[in-house]
Amino acid sequence: MNQITTITSDPIQIQNLTLYDGSNLVFQMRYSTMQLGWFLDYIVWNNTQFFTQSLRICNSPNMLRQWKNLLTFGLACDSPPAQREPNIQTDFVEENSNLYILTAGEVQVYEAILSQVPAYSSTTSYYIGNQVYDATNWYVSLQNNNLNNATSNTFYWAPING
């Protein structure tokens, strides 16, 4: 998780970031005094524009989850000091709230938690169709009585892509 530290208190600002994989991310943030909150007006990633239709920035482990099959990153927000949503124009500058870019692996960890896919264990017997997570990817067992076979062994495991 990389914190975005270039956010200012300007009510309209464009963030231009280089992601962990070298791709480019541009998004516009807008603060609304009428709604007391920050919004994402658009996101451009790898020259493809995703219109978020004024997606409100709120505390979330991945605000971009609905696009998890299209994007190789996520966007998280938390506000531990304030213990509230980012609703003051200076919240990000004063670090009452933080915005983070998630890597593809971090997005997958969050998805594994939500879907309750168990972590791989070499001491567990898996059967055809059982799914596991190994901190970088999801896998499905291709064999019955699959015990102590690393997920990198393609005879026993197949990666599941997003």
Protein backbone atom coordinates (compact mmCIF):
# COMPACT_ATOMS: atom_id res chain seq x y z
CA MET A 1 0.00 0.00 0.00
CA ASN A 2 1.49 3.30 -1.06
CA GLN A 3 0.11 6.44 0.51
CA ILE A 4 -0.64 9.27 -1.91
CA THR A 5 1.21 12.20 -0.37
CA THR A 6 0.68 14.78 -3.12
CA ILE A 7 -2.88 15.69 -2.13
CA THR A 8 -3.33 19.36 -1.25
CA SER A 9 -6.26 21.30 0.17
CA ASP A 10 -7.11 22.74 -3.26
CA PRO A 11 -10.80 22.06 -3.92
CA ILE A 12 -10.12 20.74 -7.44
CA GLN A 13 -6.89 18.91 -8.17
CA ILE A 14 -5.50 16.41 -10.60
CA GLN A 15 -3.23 13.67 -9.29
CA ASN A 16 -0.76 12.15 -11.77
CA LEU A 17 0.91 9.05 -10.35
CA THR A 18 3.17 6.25 -11.53
CA LEU A 19 1.93 2.91 -10.22
CA TYR A 20 4.01 0.02 -8.88
CA ASP A 21 3.98 -1.67 -12.34
CA GLY A 22 5.12 1.48 -14.17
CA SER A 23 1.67 2.32 -15.55
CA ASN A 24 0.27 5.83 -15.28
CA LEU A 25 -2.73 6.84 -13.18
CA VAL A 26 -4.42 10.22 -13.41
CA PHE A 27 -7.50 11.20 -11.46
CA GLN A 28 -9.35 14.36 -10.54
CA MET A 29 -10.40 14.99 -6.95
CA ARG A 30 -12.99 17.59 -6.09
CA TYR A 31 -14.09 18.88 -2.70
CA SER A 32 -17.75 19.85 -2.40
CA THR A 33 -18.62 22.38 0.28
CA MET A 34 -22.33 21.66 -0.27
CA GLN A 35 -21.89 17.95 0.44
CA LEU A 36 -18.93 18.24 2.81
CA GLY A 37 -16.84 15.61 1.07
CA TRP A 38 -14.22 14.68 -1.51
CA PHE A 39 -15.18 13.08 -4.84
CA LEU A 40 -13.36 11.34 -7.70
CA ASP A 41 -14.65 12.85 -10.94
CA TYR A 42 -12.68 10.64 -13.32
CA ILE A 43 -9.86 8.12 -13.43
CA VAL A 44 -7.51 7.61 -16.39
CA TRP A 45 -5.30 4.52 -16.27
CA ASN A 46 -3.08 3.46 -19.16
CA ASN A 47 -4.83 5.99 -21.41
CA THR A 48 -8.24 4.46 -20.66
CA GLN A 49 -10.74 6.70 -18.94
CA PHE A 50 -13.10 5.32 -16.31
CA PHE A 51 -15.86 7.73 -15.40
CA THR A 52 -16.59 7.35 -11.73
CA GLN A 53 -19.52 9.78 -11.89
CA SER A 54 -18.43 11.68 -8.80
CA LEU A 55 -17.56 8.70 -6.64
CA ARG A 56 -17.42 9.90 -3.06
CA ILE A 57 -14.09 9.25 -1.34
CA CYS A 58 -14.96 7.35 1.81
CA ASN A 59 -13.23 5.01 4.22
CA SER A 60 -12.93 1.73 2.36
CA PRO A 61 -10.37 -1.07 1.91
CA ASN A 62 -10.91 -0.70 -1.87
CA MET A 63 -13.18 2.01 -3.25
CA LEU A 64 -12.59 0.67 -6.79
CA ARG A 65 -13.70 -2.88 -6.01
CA GLN A 66 -16.51 -2.80 -8.57
CA TRP A 67 -13.83 -2.51 -11.28
CA LYS A 68 -11.54 -5.24 -9.85
CA ASN A 69 -11.68 -7.22 -13.10
CA LEU A 70 -10.67 -4.18 -15.17
CA LEU A 71 -8.03 -2.49 -13.00
CA THR A 72 -4.77 -3.92 -11.68
CA PHE A 73 -4.79 -1.64 -8.65
CA GLY A 74 -7.12 -0.45 -5.94
CA LEU A 75 -7.72 2.74 -4.01
CA ALA A 76 -8.12 2.61 -0.22
CA CYS A 77 -9.00 5.33 2.25
CA ASP A 78 -8.76 5.34 6.01
CA SER A 79 -9.16 7.96 8.70
CA PRO A 80 -7.83 6.47 11.95
CA PRO A 81 -7.03 9.74 13.75
CA ALA A 82 -10.35 11.38 12.89
CA GLN A 83 -12.49 8.22 13.13
CA ARG A 84 -14.85 9.65 10.52
CA GLU A 85 -15.18 9.99 6.76
CA PRO A 86 -12.94 12.59 5.04
CA ASN A 87 -15.40 15.49 5.06
CA ILE A 88 -13.16 18.49 5.75
CA GLN A 89 -11.20 20.09 2.92
CA THR A 90 -7.89 19.79 4.79
CA ASP A 91 -8.34 16.18 5.98
CA PHE A 92 -5.72 14.73 3.62
CA VAL A 93 -3.21 17.54 4.17
CA GLU A 94 -3.55 17.27 7.95
CA GLU A 95 -3.45 13.45 7.68
CA ASN A 96 -6.80 13.00 9.38
CA SER A 97 -7.52 10.81 6.35
CA ASN A 98 -5.16 8.95 4.01
CA LEU A 99 -5.56 7.74 0.45
CA TYR A 100 -3.55 4.70 -0.72
CA ILE A 101 -2.84 2.93 -3.99
CA LEU A 102 -3.19 -0.85 -3.66
CA THR A 103 -1.14 -3.27 -5.73
CA ALA A 104 -2.82 -6.12 -7.60
CA GLY A 105 -1.65 -8.48 -4.85
CA GLU A 106 -3.20 -6.32 -2.14
CA VAL A 107 -6.48 -6.23 -4.08
CA GLN A 108 -6.37 -10.04 -4.27
CA VAL A 109 -5.75 -10.34 -0.53
CA TYR A 110 -8.84 -8.22 0.12
CA GLU A 111 -10.87 -10.35 -2.30
CA ALA A 112 -9.64 -13.55 -0.62
CA ILE A 113 -10.78 -12.20 2.73
CA LEU A 114 -14.19 -11.31 1.33
CA SER A 115 -14.65 -14.65 -0.43
CA GLN A 116 -13.18 -16.59 2.51
CA VAL A 117 -10.72 -18.47 0.30
CA PRO A 118 -8.34 -20.20 2.72
CA ALA A 119 -4.61 -19.65 2.67
CA TYR A 120 -2.59 -22.53 1.21
CA SER A 121 -1.29 -25.02 3.78
CA SER A 122 1.11 -27.85 2.98
CA THR A 123 -0.50 -29.94 5.73
CA THR A 124 -4.01 -29.83 4.26
CA SER A 125 -5.32 -32.33 1.70
CA TYR A 126 -7.08 -30.61 -1.19
CA TYR A 127 -9.46 -32.08 -3.71
CA ILE A 128 -10.40 -31.21 -7.29
CA GLY A 129 -11.99 -27.78 -7.32
CA ASN A 130 -10.74 -26.61 -3.89
CA GLN A 131 -9.42 -23.05 -3.99
CA VAL A 132 -6.56 -21.56 -1.99
CA TYR A 133 -4.72 -18.28 -1.75
CA ASP A 134 -0.92 -18.08 -1.38
CA ALA A 135 -0.30 -14.32 -0.80
CA THR A 136 0.19 -13.58 -4.48
CA ASN A 137 -2.55 -15.46 -6.34
CA TRP A 138 -5.55 -17.77 -6.09
CA TYR A 139 -5.24 -21.38 -7.20
CA VAL A 140 -7.60 -24.28 -7.84
CA SER A 141 -6.63 -27.88 -7.12
CA LEU A 142 -6.51 -30.10 -10.20
CA GLN A 143 -6.07 -33.38 -8.29
CA ASN A 144 -7.63 -35.24 -5.38
CA ASN A 145 -5.53 -35.96 -2.28
CA ASN A 146 -3.40 -32.94 -3.13
CA LEU A 147 -1.15 -32.85 -0.05
CA ASN A 148 2.14 -30.95 0.35
CA ASN A 149 2.29 -29.91 -3.31
CA ALA A 150 3.37 -26.29 -3.81
CA THR A 151 0.99 -24.05 -5.74
CA SER A 152 3.76 -23.60 -8.31
CA ASN A 153 3.37 -27.29 -9.27
CA THR A 154 1.12 -27.04 -12.35
CA PHE A 155 0.26 -30.76 -12.24
CA TYR A 156 -1.62 -30.14 -8.97
CA TRP A 157 -2.60 -26.46 -9.18
CA ALA A 158 -3.88 -23.95 -11.72
CA PRO A 159 -3.85 -20.20 -11.11
CA ILE A 160 -7.19 -18.44 -11.08
CA ASN A 161 -6.97 -15.07 -12.82
CA GLY A 162 -9.10 -12.24 -11.39
